[in-house]
Amino acid sequence: MSTTARRGSQAVESRTSTRRSSRTARGSVSEVGRRSEAGRLQFTRTQDETNLPSAAKKDMADYLVKLEKQFTLTPQRMRMIVDSFIETLERGLTAKGQEVPMLPTYVFGWPTGKEKGSYLAVDLGGTNLRVCHVELEGDGKFEVTQTKYRLTEEQKHADAQGLFDFCAECLDNFVKDHFGDEDGKVELDEPIPVGFTFSYPCEQDRIDHGVLIRWTKGFGAPGAEGKDCAELFKQGLEKYVHRDSQKVPVKLVALINDTTGTLIASSYVDPATRAGIIFGTGCNAAYMEKVANIPKIKDLGLPEDAEMAINCEWGAFDSTTHETLPRTSYDVHIDETSNKPGEQAFEKMIAGLYLGEIFRLIMCEMIDEGILFLGQETYKVEKPFVFDTAFLSLIESDTTDELLTVTGLFAHFFALDTTVAERQFMRRLAVLIGTRAARLSACGIAAIVSKQGLLDDSTEPAKTIGIATDGSLYNKYPKFPQRLEEGLVDIFGEKGRAIKTYHAEDGSGVGAAVIAAMTKARKDAGFAMHV
């Protein structure tokens, strides 16, 4: 699919799942538990009775009280999380190998907004591979032409070199389609600079290099972790040649994270931007830090008054000790049965990949206890990750008196009949899960704002601290932005209203192009050539 757009575009997300079946009813539940090869606890249930009554309101009310205690975050608890978050961020800047790695990006300073030129961006996201041609026009303006290529689950978990070969092949096809003649032959005066958006934690010692620390967002391709992924991509490019035997006329200039791209693209358009945040399939943050405050790169001899973008990779916060975040049994289950247990604790509590699964686990627990969907076949709802976070959005968005959207959702996707009481419970549960995610997310933003002393400078009432925010959770989940800002006010009081979140520019496309332009200009000027 190829499109041309002004000021970027958004990716589409989807989910795949597996199958399990069960049947349950109040007062007569026979369960035999066993461990599957994947390590998940599975049940076989038997029940002979039919036409049983629906769940009593009191059972659900009691359950709701319990869940409200588990999922509600008070302002005091939020401030404690912020304090711990700040300490974790500072440790990451001081030494390598920390829980939250605070990765230097070698993107120096803010864009001027006057960057111009033709650039390519390759974006390896969680669902799609996107190739963009970005024409930077200066004055914060740009034009984007892009093509998306669907990633399969097999590609996400197959050999890593094959994955990067696919990225190179798609770039090759895009260049031929957009710059080639009728025969696909491409003749250019000089190679087109490419920014490769690789949105997974990488340790970088220069901007066109990046060793993958760990896969996230459901990826697990072997042969990538511990390897320079920029080099794997370059090896892929070497395999694709045009008919005149000339290599793909592109040059990899920068390997970036989408969050860093979000920060830079948004600043290109709006200089008030002070952080770039992603709340989507995963979660992350980037901001600008003084080189003097990054002790772990002191040996590089960079000017201490220079500024560098930091890719926090904050999804790993509190993954080691689990002393700070208020994890529930559902969060623990998701962590233990994930492909990366013991990692990304913060992300697993707030990211779009997991919120629907938290909801589903609670439903399954209530099915097991004979409270929901009595006498009905429930195997469809008991498949791991079958309940997409988009379903929670639909449930929260249903404003009809009898919650008819919820009725249709369960009937169509899961062949389940629901009572009004059950639907009301589900809507309240969706609000609890979504609100907790937003308030925990606010804690991360507050940590960056506090650490940088941004509110200390906000003496003028009209001054805005801009937080450029992107991702499906922020863009599509009902009331997520409002709850985020309410959480910031709960943490900081009235002065927290100076912090404004807004829709970010296209970080993985436009951001990659702007960074490629900034990097080219920096190298042409002879600044920090060794990184």
Protein backbone atom coordinates (compact mmCIF):
# COMPACT_ATOMS: atom_id res chain seq x y z
CA MET A 1 0.00 0.00 0.00
CA SER A 2 1.50 3.31 -1.07
CA THR A 3 0.32 6.72 0.08
CA THR A 4 1.39 10.34 -0.08
CA ALA A 5 0.57 12.58 2.86
CA ARG A 6 1.37 15.88 4.44
CA ARG A 7 2.90 15.76 7.94
CA GLY A 8 3.09 11.99 8.32
CA SER A 9 0.72 9.13 8.93
CA GLN A 10 -0.13 6.53 11.54
CA ALA A 11 0.49 2.78 11.53
CA VAL A 12 -2.20 0.14 11.92
CA GLU A 13 -1.92 -2.44 14.69
CA SER A 14 -3.27 -5.99 14.95
CA ARG A 15 -2.88 -9.11 17.05
CA THR A 16 -2.76 -12.85 16.54
CA SER A 17 -3.77 -15.50 19.08
CA THR A 18 -4.05 -19.17 19.99
CA ARG A 19 -7.00 -21.41 21.05
CA ARG A 20 -8.36 -22.95 24.28
CA SER A 21 -11.86 -24.08 25.27
CA SER A 22 -13.89 -24.42 28.46
CA ARG A 23 -17.36 -24.52 29.93
CA THR A 24 -18.37 -23.37 33.38
CA ALA A 25 -21.37 -22.75 35.65
CA ARG A 26 -21.98 -21.54 39.17
CA GLY A 27 -21.62 -24.08 41.98
CA SER A 28 -20.45 -26.96 39.84
CA VAL A 29 -16.96 -26.46 38.49
CA SER A 30 -14.69 -29.42 37.95
CA GLU A 31 -11.18 -28.42 36.94
CA VAL A 32 -8.10 -30.43 36.08
CA GLY A 33 -5.02 -28.23 35.79
CA ARG A 34 -1.92 -29.06 33.81
CA ARG A 35 1.11 -27.22 32.46
CA SER A 36 1.40 -26.93 28.72
CA GLU A 37 4.72 -26.98 26.91
CA ALA A 38 4.49 -23.18 26.71
CA GLY A 39 4.25 -23.05 30.51
CA ARG A 40 0.69 -21.69 30.71
CA LEU A 41 -1.72 -23.22 33.18
CA GLN A 42 -4.55 -24.86 31.24
CA PHE A 43 -7.86 -26.27 32.48
CA THR A 44 -10.36 -28.86 31.37
CA ARG A 45 -13.82 -28.26 32.83
CA THR A 46 -16.92 -30.44 32.92
CA GLN A 47 -20.52 -29.31 33.48
CA ASP A 48 -23.73 -31.12 32.71
CA GLU A 49 -26.30 -28.53 33.77
CA THR A 50 -27.82 -26.18 31.20
CA ASN A 51 -29.99 -23.06 31.19
CA LEU A 52 -28.41 -21.70 34.37
CA PRO A 53 -29.21 -18.17 35.58
CA SER A 54 -26.89 -15.27 34.77
CA ALA A 55 -24.46 -13.88 37.33
CA ALA A 56 -25.84 -12.05 40.35
CA LYS A 57 -25.04 -8.35 40.61
CA LYS A 58 -23.67 -8.77 44.13
CA ASP A 59 -20.95 -11.19 43.01
CA MET A 60 -19.76 -8.71 40.42
CA ALA A 61 -20.04 -5.78 42.85
CA ASP A 62 -17.85 -7.60 45.36
CA TYR A 63 -15.33 -8.40 42.64
CA LEU A 64 -15.34 -4.79 41.50
CA VAL A 65 -14.51 -3.56 45.01
CA LYS A 66 -11.52 -5.90 45.10
CA LEU A 67 -10.34 -4.80 41.67
CA GLU A 68 -10.73 -1.10 42.46
CA LYS A 69 -8.35 -1.54 45.41
CA GLN A 70 -5.80 -3.27 43.17
CA PHE A 71 -5.96 -0.91 40.19
CA THR A 72 -6.44 2.51 41.81
CA LEU A 73 -3.35 4.74 42.12
CA THR A 74 -3.45 7.51 44.72
CA PRO A 75 -1.47 10.75 44.20
CA GLN A 76 0.80 9.78 47.11
CA ARG A 77 1.62 6.41 45.52
CA MET A 78 2.26 8.14 42.19
CA ARG A 79 4.76 10.54 43.76
CA MET A 80 6.61 7.59 45.31
CA ILE A 81 6.82 5.96 41.88
CA VAL A 82 8.13 9.22 40.37
CA ASP A 83 10.90 9.48 43.00
CA SER A 84 12.02 5.92 42.31
CA PHE A 85 11.79 6.55 38.56
CA ILE A 86 14.12 9.57 38.78
CA GLU A 87 16.73 7.54 40.69
CA THR A 88 16.52 4.80 38.04
CA LEU A 89 16.98 7.30 35.18
CA GLU A 90 20.05 8.80 36.85
CA ARG A 91 21.62 5.37 37.39
CA GLY A 92 21.16 4.65 33.69
CA LEU A 93 23.03 7.84 32.76
CA THR A 94 25.89 7.02 35.13
CA ALA A 95 26.78 3.46 34.12
CA LYS A 96 26.14 0.94 31.37
CA GLY A 97 24.13 -2.22 31.88
CA GLN A 98 21.44 -0.67 34.08
CA GLU A 99 17.79 -1.74 34.27
CA VAL A 100 16.67 1.36 32.36
CA PRO A 101 19.66 1.79 30.04
CA MET A 102 19.27 5.51 29.13
CA LEU A 103 20.88 5.01 25.75
CA PRO A 104 22.89 7.82 24.13
CA THR A 105 21.63 8.32 20.56
CA TYR A 106 24.37 10.60 19.14
CA VAL A 107 21.65 12.91 17.92
CA PHE A 108 23.11 16.28 18.96
CA GLY A 109 20.85 19.19 19.83
CA TRP A 110 17.50 20.32 18.49
CA PRO A 111 16.60 20.72 14.82
CA THR A 112 16.50 24.28 13.51
CA GLY A 113 13.29 23.73 11.56
CA LYS A 114 15.12 24.85 8.43
CA GLU A 115 16.44 21.42 7.41
CA LYS A 116 15.74 20.68 3.74
CA GLY A 117 16.31 17.91 1.24
CA SER A 118 15.26 14.45 0.06
CA TYR A 119 15.65 11.52 2.47
CA LEU A 120 14.52 7.92 2.90
CA ALA A 121 13.28 6.32 6.10
CA VAL A 122 12.88 2.61 6.82
CA ASP A 123 10.69 1.88 9.86
CA LEU A 124 10.70 -1.63 11.34
CA GLY A 125 7.67 -1.37 13.62
CA GLY A 126 5.77 -3.90 15.68
CA THR A 127 3.24 -4.74 12.95
CA ASN A 128 4.41 -3.26 9.64
CA LEU A 129 7.57 -2.41 7.80
CA ARG A 130 7.25 1.08 6.37
CA VAL A 131 9.45 2.73 3.75
CA CYS A 132 9.10 6.50 3.31
CA HIS A 133 10.43 9.18 1.02
CA VAL A 134 10.46 12.41 3.01
CA GLU A 135 10.95 15.78 1.36
CA LEU A 136 11.95 18.31 4.03
CA GLU A 137 10.87 21.78 2.93
CA GLY A 138 12.13 23.92 5.83
CA ASP A 139 10.04 26.07 8.17
CA GLY A 140 8.86 22.88 9.87
CA LYS A 141 7.18 21.63 6.69
CA PHE A 142 7.53 18.29 4.92
CA GLU A 143 5.89 15.90 2.48
CA VAL A 144 5.83 12.11 2.87
CA THR A 145 5.33 9.32 0.34
CA GLN A 146 5.24 5.87 1.90
CA THR A 147 4.58 2.19 1.35
CA LYS A 148 3.71 -0.33 4.08
CA TYR A 149 4.65 -4.00 4.04
CA ARG A 150 2.96 -6.43 6.45
CA LEU A 151 5.19 -8.36 8.85
CA THR A 152 4.22 -11.96 9.59
CA GLU A 153 4.64 -13.67 12.94
CA GLU A 154 7.03 -16.08 11.22
CA GLN A 155 9.28 -13.19 10.16
CA LYS A 156 9.31 -11.84 13.70
CA HIS A 157 10.66 -15.12 15.06
CA ALA A 158 12.65 -16.54 12.14
CA ASP A 159 16.37 -16.00 11.46
CA ALA A 160 17.38 -12.37 12.07
CA GLN A 161 19.36 -11.97 8.86
CA GLY A 162 16.26 -13.02 6.93
CA LEU A 163 14.30 -10.25 8.67
CA PHE A 164 16.86 -7.61 7.73
CA ASP A 165 17.09 -9.00 4.20
CA PHE A 166 13.34 -8.41 3.94
CA CYS A 167 13.83 -4.79 5.08
CA ALA A 168 16.50 -4.32 2.41
CA GLU A 169 14.36 -5.95 -0.27
CA CYS A 170 11.43 -3.64 0.51
CA LEU A 171 13.70 -0.58 0.39
CA ASP A 172 15.10 -1.78 -2.93
CA ASN A 173 11.59 -2.20 -4.37
CA PHE A 174 10.55 1.22 -3.07
CA VAL A 175 13.57 2.93 -4.64
CA LYS A 176 12.91 1.23 -7.99
CA ASP A 177 9.22 2.17 -7.89
CA HIS A 178 9.77 5.81 -6.96
CA PHE A 179 13.12 6.69 -8.53
CA GLY A 180 13.53 4.18 -11.37
CA ASP A 181 12.66 4.34 -15.03
CA GLU A 182 10.24 1.97 -16.77
CA ASP A 183 12.83 -0.81 -16.54
CA GLY A 184 13.45 -0.21 -12.84
CA LYS A 185 16.90 1.26 -13.48
CA VAL A 186 17.88 3.95 -10.98
CA GLU A 187 20.42 6.65 -11.80
CA LEU A 188 21.13 9.25 -9.13
CA ASP A 189 23.87 11.85 -8.76
CA GLU A 190 24.58 10.63 -5.23
CA PRO A 191 23.15 8.03 -2.84
CA ILE A 192 20.03 9.04 -0.94
CA PRO A 193 20.65 9.32 2.86
CA VAL A 194 18.63 6.76 4.84
CA GLY A 195 17.47 6.87 8.44
CA PHE A 196 16.67 3.38 9.75
CA THR A 197 14.09 3.47 12.53
CA PHE A 198 14.79 0.38 14.61
CA SER A 199 12.59 0.72 17.68
CA TYR A 200 14.18 -1.81 19.98
CA PRO A 201 16.76 -1.25 22.75
CA CYS A 202 20.20 -0.85 21.17
CA GLU A 203 23.58 0.09 22.61
CA GLN A 204 25.18 2.64 20.27
CA ASP A 205 28.73 3.99 20.16
CA ARG A 206 28.03 5.97 17.01
CA ILE A 207 24.88 7.03 15.18
CA ASP A 208 25.07 4.53 12.31
CA HIS A 209 25.65 1.54 14.57
CA GLY A 210 23.51 -0.27 17.15
CA VAL A 211 23.90 -3.53 19.08
CA LEU A 212 20.50 -4.99 19.99
CA ILE A 213 20.18 -5.44 23.76
CA ARG A 214 16.90 -7.35 23.66
CA TRP A 215 13.84 -7.76 21.48
CA THR A 216 10.57 -6.20 22.62
CA LYS A 217 7.01 -5.87 21.17
CA GLY A 218 6.68 -9.62 20.66
CA PHE A 219 9.75 -10.00 18.42
CA GLY A 220 12.16 -12.87 19.05
CA ALA A 221 14.19 -13.42 15.87
CA PRO A 222 17.31 -15.39 16.88
CA GLY A 223 20.71 -14.12 15.83
CA ALA A 224 20.05 -10.43 16.46
CA GLU A 225 20.53 -9.85 20.19
CA GLY A 226 24.12 -8.83 20.83
CA LYS A 227 24.67 -8.05 17.14
CA ASP A 228 25.02 -4.76 15.26
CA CYS A 229 21.62 -4.50 13.57
CA ALA A 230 22.76 -1.65 11.32
CA GLU A 231 25.40 -4.01 9.94
CA LEU A 232 22.80 -6.76 9.44
CA PHE A 233 20.72 -4.28 7.45
CA LYS A 234 23.74 -3.25 5.39
CA GLN A 235 24.44 -6.93 4.64
CA GLY A 236 20.86 -7.20 3.41
CA LEU A 237 21.38 -4.19 1.14
CA GLU A 238 24.47 -5.85 -0.35
CA LYS A 239 22.25 -8.70 -1.63
CA TYR A 240 20.03 -6.46 -3.78
CA VAL A 241 21.42 -5.03 -6.99
CA HIS A 242 19.89 -3.34 -10.01
CA ARG A 243 20.09 -4.60 -13.56
CA ASP A 244 23.26 -2.62 -14.22
CA SER A 245 24.85 -4.41 -11.23
CA GLN A 246 25.07 -1.20 -9.21
CA LYS A 247 24.18 -1.53 -5.54
CA VAL A 248 21.06 0.10 -4.10
CA PRO A 249 21.79 3.87 -4.39
CA VAL A 250 21.29 4.61 -0.72
CA LYS A 251 23.55 5.29 2.26
CA LEU A 252 22.62 4.40 5.83
CA VAL A 253 23.31 7.58 7.81
CA ALA A 254 21.53 6.99 11.12
CA LEU A 255 20.04 4.16 13.17
CA ILE A 256 17.36 5.65 15.41
CA ASN A 257 14.59 4.69 17.79
CA ASP A 258 11.04 5.80 16.94
CA THR A 259 10.81 7.65 20.24
CA THR A 260 13.92 9.67 19.45
CA GLY A 261 12.41 10.32 16.04
CA THR A 262 9.20 11.50 17.69
CA LEU A 263 11.16 13.96 19.82
CA ILE A 264 13.07 15.41 16.85
CA ALA A 265 10.19 15.44 14.32
CA SER A 266 7.91 17.19 16.79
CA SER A 267 10.58 19.74 17.68
CA TYR A 268 11.12 20.37 13.94
CA VAL A 269 7.48 21.52 13.81
CA ASP A 270 7.02 22.88 17.37
CA PRO A 271 10.09 24.16 19.28
CA ALA A 272 8.18 23.95 22.60
CA THR A 273 8.66 20.14 22.54
CA ARG A 274 10.71 18.88 25.48
CA ALA A 275 10.11 15.12 25.35
CA GLY A 276 8.88 12.51 22.92
CA ILE A 277 6.76 9.67 24.28
CA ILE A 278 5.30 6.53 22.72
CA PHE A 279 2.25 4.84 24.21
CA GLY A 280 1.33 2.13 21.72
CA THR A 281 2.10 -1.58 21.36
CA GLY A 282 5.06 -0.80 23.62
CA CYS A 283 6.08 2.32 25.53
CA ASN A 284 9.18 4.52 25.65
CA ALA A 285 10.45 8.07 26.10
CA ALA A 286 13.21 10.30 24.76
CA TYR A 287 14.41 13.73 25.85
CA MET A 288 17.44 16.02 25.46
CA GLU A 289 20.23 15.79 28.06
CA LYS A 290 23.44 17.77 28.63
CA VAL A 291 26.55 15.71 27.83
CA ALA A 292 27.92 16.79 31.23
CA ASN A 293 25.07 14.81 32.86
CA ILE A 294 25.96 11.56 31.05
CA PRO A 295 29.03 10.30 32.97
CA LYS A 296 29.14 6.95 31.15
CA ILE A 297 30.24 8.60 27.86
CA LYS A 298 32.82 10.94 29.38
CA ASP A 299 35.64 9.00 27.69
CA LEU A 300 34.36 10.10 24.25
CA GLY A 301 35.68 13.61 24.84
CA LEU A 302 32.51 15.36 23.74
CA PRO A 303 31.91 19.02 24.71
CA GLU A 304 30.14 19.04 28.09
CA ASP A 305 27.82 21.87 27.09
CA ALA A 306 26.57 19.92 24.04
CA GLU A 307 23.13 18.35 24.20
CA MET A 308 22.30 14.81 23.13
CA ALA A 309 18.97 13.00 22.81
CA ILE A 310 18.60 10.11 25.26
CA ASN A 311 16.49 7.05 24.42
CA CYS A 312 15.31 5.98 27.88
CA GLU A 313 13.89 2.51 27.12
CA TRP A 314 11.86 3.00 30.26
CA GLY A 315 9.63 -0.02 29.68
CA ALA A 316 12.13 -1.97 31.80
CA PHE A 317 11.56 0.17 34.91
CA ASP A 318 11.23 -1.91 38.13
CA SER A 319 11.83 -5.20 36.30
CA THR A 320 14.51 -6.41 38.72
CA THR A 321 13.25 -5.84 42.26
CA HIS A 322 9.50 -5.24 41.67
CA GLU A 323 9.57 -2.93 44.69
CA THR A 324 7.88 0.12 43.18
CA LEU A 325 5.13 -0.70 40.72
CA PRO A 326 1.80 -2.00 42.14
CA ARG A 327 1.73 -5.28 40.20
CA THR A 328 -1.35 -7.48 40.47
CA SER A 329 -1.51 -11.24 40.04
CA TYR A 330 -2.65 -10.60 36.46
CA ASP A 331 0.47 -8.54 35.71
CA VAL A 332 2.64 -11.29 37.20
CA HIS A 333 0.92 -13.93 35.06
CA ILE A 334 1.45 -11.90 31.88
CA ASP A 335 5.12 -11.46 32.74
CA GLU A 336 5.76 -15.10 33.61
CA THR A 337 4.06 -16.45 30.48
CA SER A 338 5.58 -13.89 28.07
CA ASN A 339 8.41 -14.60 25.67
CA LYS A 340 10.58 -12.32 27.84
CA PRO A 341 9.76 -13.11 31.50
CA GLY A 342 11.36 -10.83 34.06
CA GLU A 343 11.71 -7.97 31.57
CA GLN A 344 9.73 -4.83 30.65
CA ALA A 345 7.68 -4.72 33.87
CA PHE A 346 6.52 -1.12 33.35
CA GLU A 347 5.63 -1.73 29.71
CA LYS A 348 3.58 -4.81 30.56
CA MET A 349 1.37 -2.72 32.86
CA ILE A 350 0.64 0.16 30.48
CA ALA A 351 1.24 -0.79 26.83
CA GLY A 352 -1.47 -1.57 24.30
CA LEU A 353 -0.11 -5.06 23.72
CA TYR A 354 -1.09 -6.08 27.26
CA LEU A 355 -4.17 -4.15 28.46
CA GLY A 356 -6.63 -6.38 26.64
CA GLU A 357 -4.91 -9.44 28.08
CA ILE A 358 -5.24 -8.06 31.63
CA PHE A 359 -8.97 -7.65 30.99
CA ARG A 360 -9.21 -11.19 29.58
CA LEU A 361 -7.37 -12.76 32.53
CA ILE A 362 -9.80 -11.14 34.97
CA MET A 363 -12.75 -12.42 32.94
CA CYS A 364 -11.25 -15.93 32.89
CA GLU A 365 -10.77 -15.84 36.64
CA MET A 366 -14.41 -14.88 37.08
CA ILE A 367 -15.46 -17.64 34.69
CA ASP A 368 -13.46 -20.08 36.81
CA GLU A 369 -15.28 -18.85 39.92
CA GLY A 370 -18.69 -19.22 38.28
CA ILE A 371 -19.54 -15.52 38.09
CA LEU A 372 -19.60 -14.69 34.36
CA PHE A 373 -21.17 -16.32 31.27
CA LEU A 374 -22.84 -19.13 33.20
CA GLY A 375 -23.73 -22.21 31.20
CA GLN A 376 -22.12 -20.90 28.02
CA GLU A 377 -19.19 -22.14 25.94
CA THR A 378 -16.35 -19.75 26.79
CA TYR A 379 -13.41 -21.29 24.94
CA LYS A 380 -13.21 -18.41 22.45
CA VAL A 381 -12.57 -15.80 25.14
CA GLU A 382 -10.05 -18.05 26.86
CA LYS A 383 -7.45 -17.92 24.08
CA PRO A 384 -4.40 -15.93 25.24
CA PHE A 385 -4.28 -12.41 23.78
CA VAL A 386 -7.55 -12.88 21.87
CA PHE A 387 -9.00 -9.83 23.63
CA ASP A 388 -7.43 -6.91 21.80
CA THR A 389 -6.99 -3.60 23.61
CA ALA A 390 -9.14 -2.11 20.84
CA PHE A 391 -12.05 -4.02 22.42
CA LEU A 392 -11.50 -2.09 25.66
CA SER A 393 -11.69 1.13 23.65
CA LEU A 394 -15.02 0.02 22.19
CA ILE A 395 -16.37 -0.93 25.61
CA GLU A 396 -15.41 2.43 27.14
CA SER A 397 -16.81 4.30 24.14
CA ASP A 398 -20.26 2.68 24.37
CA THR A 399 -22.68 5.40 25.51
CA THR A 400 -25.95 3.50 24.92
CA ASP A 401 -28.15 2.82 27.96
CA GLU A 402 -27.95 -0.95 27.54
CA LEU A 403 -24.35 -0.94 26.22
CA LEU A 404 -25.38 -2.43 22.89
CA THR A 405 -21.89 -2.14 21.40
CA VAL A 406 -20.63 -4.45 24.15
CA THR A 407 -23.51 -6.83 23.40
CA GLY A 408 -22.51 -7.00 19.76
CA LEU A 409 -18.81 -7.34 20.51
CA PHE A 410 -19.20 -10.43 22.70
CA ALA A 411 -21.86 -11.97 20.47
CA HIS A 412 -19.90 -11.48 17.25
CA PHE A 413 -16.35 -12.31 18.34
CA PHE A 414 -16.94 -14.78 21.18
CA ALA A 415 -20.47 -16.17 20.66
CA LEU A 416 -21.40 -15.10 24.19
CA ASP A 417 -24.66 -13.61 25.47
CA THR A 418 -24.30 -10.93 28.15
CA THR A 419 -26.65 -9.40 30.69
CA VAL A 420 -26.85 -5.66 31.33
CA ALA A 421 -25.18 -6.24 34.71
CA GLU A 422 -22.28 -8.08 33.07
CA ARG A 423 -21.86 -5.35 30.49
CA GLN A 424 -21.87 -2.64 33.14
CA PHE A 425 -19.23 -4.54 35.07
CA MET A 426 -17.07 -4.88 31.94
CA ARG A 427 -17.30 -1.19 31.20
CA ARG A 428 -16.20 -0.32 34.73
CA LEU A 429 -13.36 -2.86 34.48
CA ALA A 430 -12.17 -1.30 31.20
CA VAL A 431 -12.15 2.13 32.87
CA LEU A 432 -10.07 0.78 35.78
CA ILE A 433 -7.47 -0.81 33.50
CA GLY A 434 -7.27 2.17 31.14
CA THR A 435 -7.06 4.69 33.99
CA ARG A 436 -4.28 2.79 35.75
CA ALA A 437 -2.30 2.68 32.49
CA ALA A 438 -2.68 6.45 32.00
CA ARG A 439 -1.72 7.31 35.58
CA LEU A 440 1.35 5.06 35.53
CA SER A 441 2.29 6.67 32.22
CA ALA A 442 1.99 10.09 33.88
CA CYS A 443 4.55 8.96 36.46
CA GLY A 444 7.12 8.39 33.71
CA ILE A 445 6.51 11.83 32.19
CA ALA A 446 6.67 13.42 35.63
CA ALA A 447 10.05 11.79 36.28
CA ILE A 448 11.57 13.38 33.15
CA VAL A 449 9.98 16.77 33.88
CA SER A 450 11.22 16.70 37.49
CA LYS A 451 14.70 15.47 36.64
CA GLN A 452 15.16 18.22 34.06
CA GLY A 453 13.71 20.89 36.35
CA LEU A 454 11.32 21.93 33.60
CA LEU A 455 8.62 23.13 35.98
CA ASP A 456 11.21 25.17 37.89
CA ASP A 457 11.62 27.30 34.76
CA SER A 458 7.89 27.61 34.27
CA THR A 459 7.47 30.88 36.14
CA GLU A 460 5.38 32.41 33.38
CA PRO A 461 1.79 31.13 33.45
CA ALA A 462 1.62 31.06 29.64
CA LYS A 463 4.72 28.87 29.24
CA THR A 464 4.02 25.35 28.01
CA ILE A 465 6.14 22.25 28.55
CA GLY A 466 5.42 20.30 25.39
CA ILE A 467 5.28 16.50 25.53
CA ALA A 468 4.93 15.13 22.00
CA THR A 469 3.04 11.86 22.31
CA ASP A 470 2.26 9.13 19.82
CA GLY A 471 1.02 5.54 19.68
CA SER A 472 -2.34 3.84 19.42
CA LEU A 473 -3.06 4.02 23.14
CA TYR A 474 -2.66 7.80 23.24
CA ASN A 475 -4.35 8.40 19.89
CA LYS A 476 -7.28 5.98 20.10
CA TYR A 477 -7.99 4.91 23.68
CA PRO A 478 -10.91 6.94 25.12
CA LYS A 479 -9.88 9.66 27.58
CA PHE A 480 -6.25 8.46 27.77
CA PRO A 481 -4.81 11.97 27.11
CA GLN A 482 -7.18 13.56 29.66
CA ARG A 483 -6.35 10.95 32.30
CA LEU A 484 -2.66 11.43 31.58
CA GLU A 485 -2.88 15.17 32.22
CA GLU A 486 -5.11 14.66 35.28
CA GLY A 487 -2.43 12.36 36.65
CA LEU A 488 0.24 15.04 36.12
CA VAL A 489 -1.87 17.53 38.08
CA ASP A 490 -2.30 14.97 40.87
CA ILE A 491 1.49 14.62 41.02
CA PHE A 492 2.54 18.29 40.72
CA GLY A 493 -0.56 20.19 41.81
CA GLU A 494 -1.80 23.12 39.75
CA LYS A 495 1.62 23.85 38.23
CA GLY A 496 1.30 20.48 36.48
CA ARG A 497 -1.17 22.13 34.11
CA ALA A 498 1.82 23.73 32.35
CA ILE A 499 2.65 20.24 31.00
CA LYS A 500 0.74 19.70 27.78
CA THR A 501 0.66 16.45 25.85
CA TYR A 502 -0.20 16.64 22.18
CA HIS A 503 -0.14 14.44 19.12
CA ALA A 504 3.42 13.96 17.94
CA GLU A 505 4.69 14.24 14.42
CA ASP A 506 5.67 11.11 12.49
CA GLY A 507 8.77 10.09 14.43
CA SER A 508 9.63 6.90 12.61
CA GLY A 509 9.35 8.51 9.17
CA VAL A 510 9.81 12.27 9.34
CA GLY A 511 11.92 12.00 12.50
CA ALA A 512 14.32 9.59 10.82
CA ALA A 513 14.62 11.97 7.86
CA VAL A 514 15.27 15.04 10.03
CA ILE A 515 17.90 13.12 12.03
CA ALA A 516 19.53 11.99 8.80
CA ALA A 517 19.62 15.64 7.69
CA MET A 518 21.03 16.80 11.04
CA THR A 519 23.66 14.05 11.00
CA LYS A 520 24.75 14.87 7.46
CA ALA A 521 25.07 18.56 8.39
CA ARG A 522 27.03 17.68 11.55
CA LYS A 523 29.47 15.46 9.68
CA ASP A 524 29.84 18.03 6.90
CA ALA A 525 30.73 20.59 9.58
CA GLY A 526 33.31 18.21 11.08
CA PHE A 527 31.66 18.03 14.54
CA ALA A 528 32.07 14.83 16.59
CA MET A 529 33.11 12.83 13.54
CA HIS A 530 33.97 9.75 15.64
CA VAL A 531 30.36 9.20 16.70
